[in-house]
């Protein structure tokens, strides 16, 4: 079962130039807690110049993109975590605090160089 994000990723990679929200919409069923409980599906295809992609085919193609999808997910989390700590580098922050956070932020940047990236990532611990 593909998630909403996985289906979007495959479509965008198989059909370069199309964008979710602009050219197509993907949906998925939700359980009572708001979690995806079934496979993602095409809600709407807005492009008339490109045939609607076959969701079953996109699902079959996912293994080809799994590593790239995982890498994108890790990078997105990493970038968000770095941005969340930008305040630590302001000039009014004590130097000792800035240095602790600089090391942490560098460790976040180095995640993509880890041996197991992207399928096995060791996240650095946020300084206290």
Protein backbone atom coordinates (compact mmCIF):
# COMPACT_ATOMS: atom_id res chain seq x y z
CA UNK A 1 0.00 0.00 0.00
CA UNK A 2 1.44 3.34 -1.04
CA UNK A 3 1.05 6.34 1.16
CA UNK A 4 -0.25 9.62 -0.15
CA UNK A 5 3.29 11.09 -0.23
CA UNK A 6 4.80 8.02 -1.90
CA UNK A 7 2.26 8.09 -4.73
CA UNK A 8 2.88 11.80 -5.28
CA UNK A 9 6.65 11.17 -5.32
CA UNK A 10 6.40 8.44 -7.95
CA UNK A 11 4.06 10.47 -10.18
CA UNK A 12 6.33 13.53 -9.99
CA UNK A 13 9.35 11.40 -10.90
CA UNK A 14 7.66 9.47 -13.69
CA UNK A 15 6.04 12.56 -15.20
CA UNK A 16 8.51 15.43 -14.75
CA UNK A 17 7.00 18.88 -14.51
CA UNK A 18 3.69 17.92 -12.94
CA UNK A 19 2.93 19.25 -9.48
CA UNK A 20 0.55 17.95 -6.85
CA UNK A 21 -2.07 20.56 -6.07
CA UNK A 22 -1.65 22.25 -9.44
CA UNK A 23 -1.80 19.44 -12.00
CA UNK A 24 -3.24 16.61 -9.94
CA UNK A 25 -4.68 15.71 -6.55
CA UNK A 26 -4.08 12.51 -4.64
CA UNK A 27 -6.19 11.32 -1.74
CA UNK A 28 -6.38 8.41 0.68
CA UNK A 29 -8.94 6.93 3.08
CA UNK A 30 -8.63 7.80 6.78
CA UNK A 31 -9.57 5.87 9.88
CA UNK A 32 -11.34 7.43 12.86
CA UNK A 33 -8.00 8.67 14.23
CA UNK A 34 -7.09 10.44 10.98
CA UNK A 35 -4.49 7.89 9.85
CA UNK A 36 -4.27 6.57 6.32
CA UNK A 37 -6.04 3.21 6.29
CA UNK A 38 -6.01 2.31 2.61
CA UNK A 39 -4.03 2.90 -0.55
CA UNK A 40 -3.63 6.36 -2.01
CA UNK A 41 -5.67 7.10 -5.12
CA UNK A 42 -5.99 9.73 -7.83
CA UNK A 43 -8.66 12.28 -6.93
CA UNK A 44 -8.25 14.58 -9.92
CA UNK A 45 -5.99 14.86 -12.97
CA UNK A 46 -6.07 18.36 -14.42
CA UNK A 47 -3.69 17.96 -17.35
CA UNK A 48 -5.37 17.38 -20.71
CA UNK A 49 -2.06 17.05 -22.57
CA UNK A 50 -0.86 14.09 -20.49
CA UNK A 51 -2.83 10.88 -19.90
CA UNK A 52 -3.92 10.13 -16.34
CA UNK A 53 -1.25 7.93 -14.75
CA UNK A 54 -2.21 4.40 -13.84
CA UNK A 55 -2.07 4.17 -10.04
CA UNK A 56 -1.42 0.41 -10.13
CA UNK A 57 1.58 1.01 -12.40
CA UNK A 58 2.81 3.83 -10.14
CA UNK A 59 2.52 1.45 -7.18
CA UNK A 60 4.56 -1.19 -9.04
CA UNK A 61 7.22 1.45 -9.83
CA UNK A 62 7.62 2.59 -6.22
CA UNK A 63 10.52 0.22 -5.37
CA UNK A 64 12.55 2.01 -8.05
CA UNK A 65 12.09 5.26 -6.09
CA UNK A 66 12.03 4.02 -2.50
CA UNK A 67 15.58 5.03 -1.64
CA UNK A 68 15.12 8.49 -3.21
CA UNK A 69 11.81 8.92 -1.37
CA UNK A 70 13.42 7.99 1.95
CA UNK A 71 16.33 10.37 1.25
CA UNK A 72 13.89 13.21 0.55
CA UNK A 73 12.02 12.47 3.79
CA UNK A 74 15.25 12.51 5.83
CA UNK A 75 16.44 15.73 4.18
CA UNK A 76 13.09 17.38 4.85
CA UNK A 77 13.25 16.46 8.55
CA UNK A 78 16.91 17.53 8.73
CA UNK A 79 16.24 20.90 7.07
CA UNK A 80 13.27 21.56 9.36
CA UNK A 81 15.36 20.67 12.42
CA UNK A 82 18.18 22.98 11.35
CA UNK A 83 15.74 25.82 10.68
CA UNK A 84 14.14 25.24 14.08
CA UNK A 85 17.55 25.85 15.69
CA UNK A 86 18.52 28.97 13.70
CA UNK A 87 17.88 31.13 16.76
CA UNK A 88 20.91 29.53 18.45
CA UNK A 89 23.27 31.32 16.07
CA UNK A 90 22.07 34.86 16.76
CA UNK A 91 24.78 37.27 17.97
CA UNK A 92 22.99 37.82 21.30
CA UNK A 93 23.29 34.13 22.22
CA UNK A 94 26.21 33.28 24.56
CA UNK A 95 29.24 31.89 22.69
CA UNK A 96 29.25 28.58 24.64
CA UNK A 97 25.63 27.97 23.67
CA UNK A 98 26.28 28.88 20.04
CA UNK A 99 29.22 26.44 19.87
CA UNK A 100 27.19 23.54 21.30
CA UNK A 101 24.49 24.15 18.75
CA UNK A 102 26.98 24.63 15.91
CA UNK A 103 28.28 21.10 16.51
CA UNK A 104 24.72 19.73 16.58
CA UNK A 105 23.77 21.60 13.42
CA UNK A 106 26.88 20.30 11.65
CA UNK A 107 26.00 16.75 12.71
CA UNK A 108 22.58 17.29 11.12
CA UNK A 109 24.21 18.49 7.90
CA UNK A 110 26.45 15.40 7.92
CA UNK A 111 23.51 12.95 8.10
CA UNK A 112 23.63 12.38 4.34
CA UNK A 113 27.22 11.14 4.69
CA UNK A 114 26.27 8.40 7.16
CA UNK A 115 26.91 4.87 5.92
CA UNK A 116 23.27 3.77 6.22
CA UNK A 117 21.73 6.89 4.70
CA UNK A 118 18.87 7.10 3.88
CA UNK A 119 17.41 3.85 5.16
CA UNK A 120 19.25 3.87 8.49
CA UNK A 121 19.99 7.25 10.02
CA UNK A 122 21.35 8.06 13.46
CA UNK A 123 19.96 11.42 14.51
CA UNK A 124 22.18 13.60 16.72
CA UNK A 125 20.87 14.52 20.16
CA UNK A 126 19.76 18.12 20.59
CA UNK A 127 21.94 20.03 23.07
CA UNK A 128 20.46 20.90 26.46
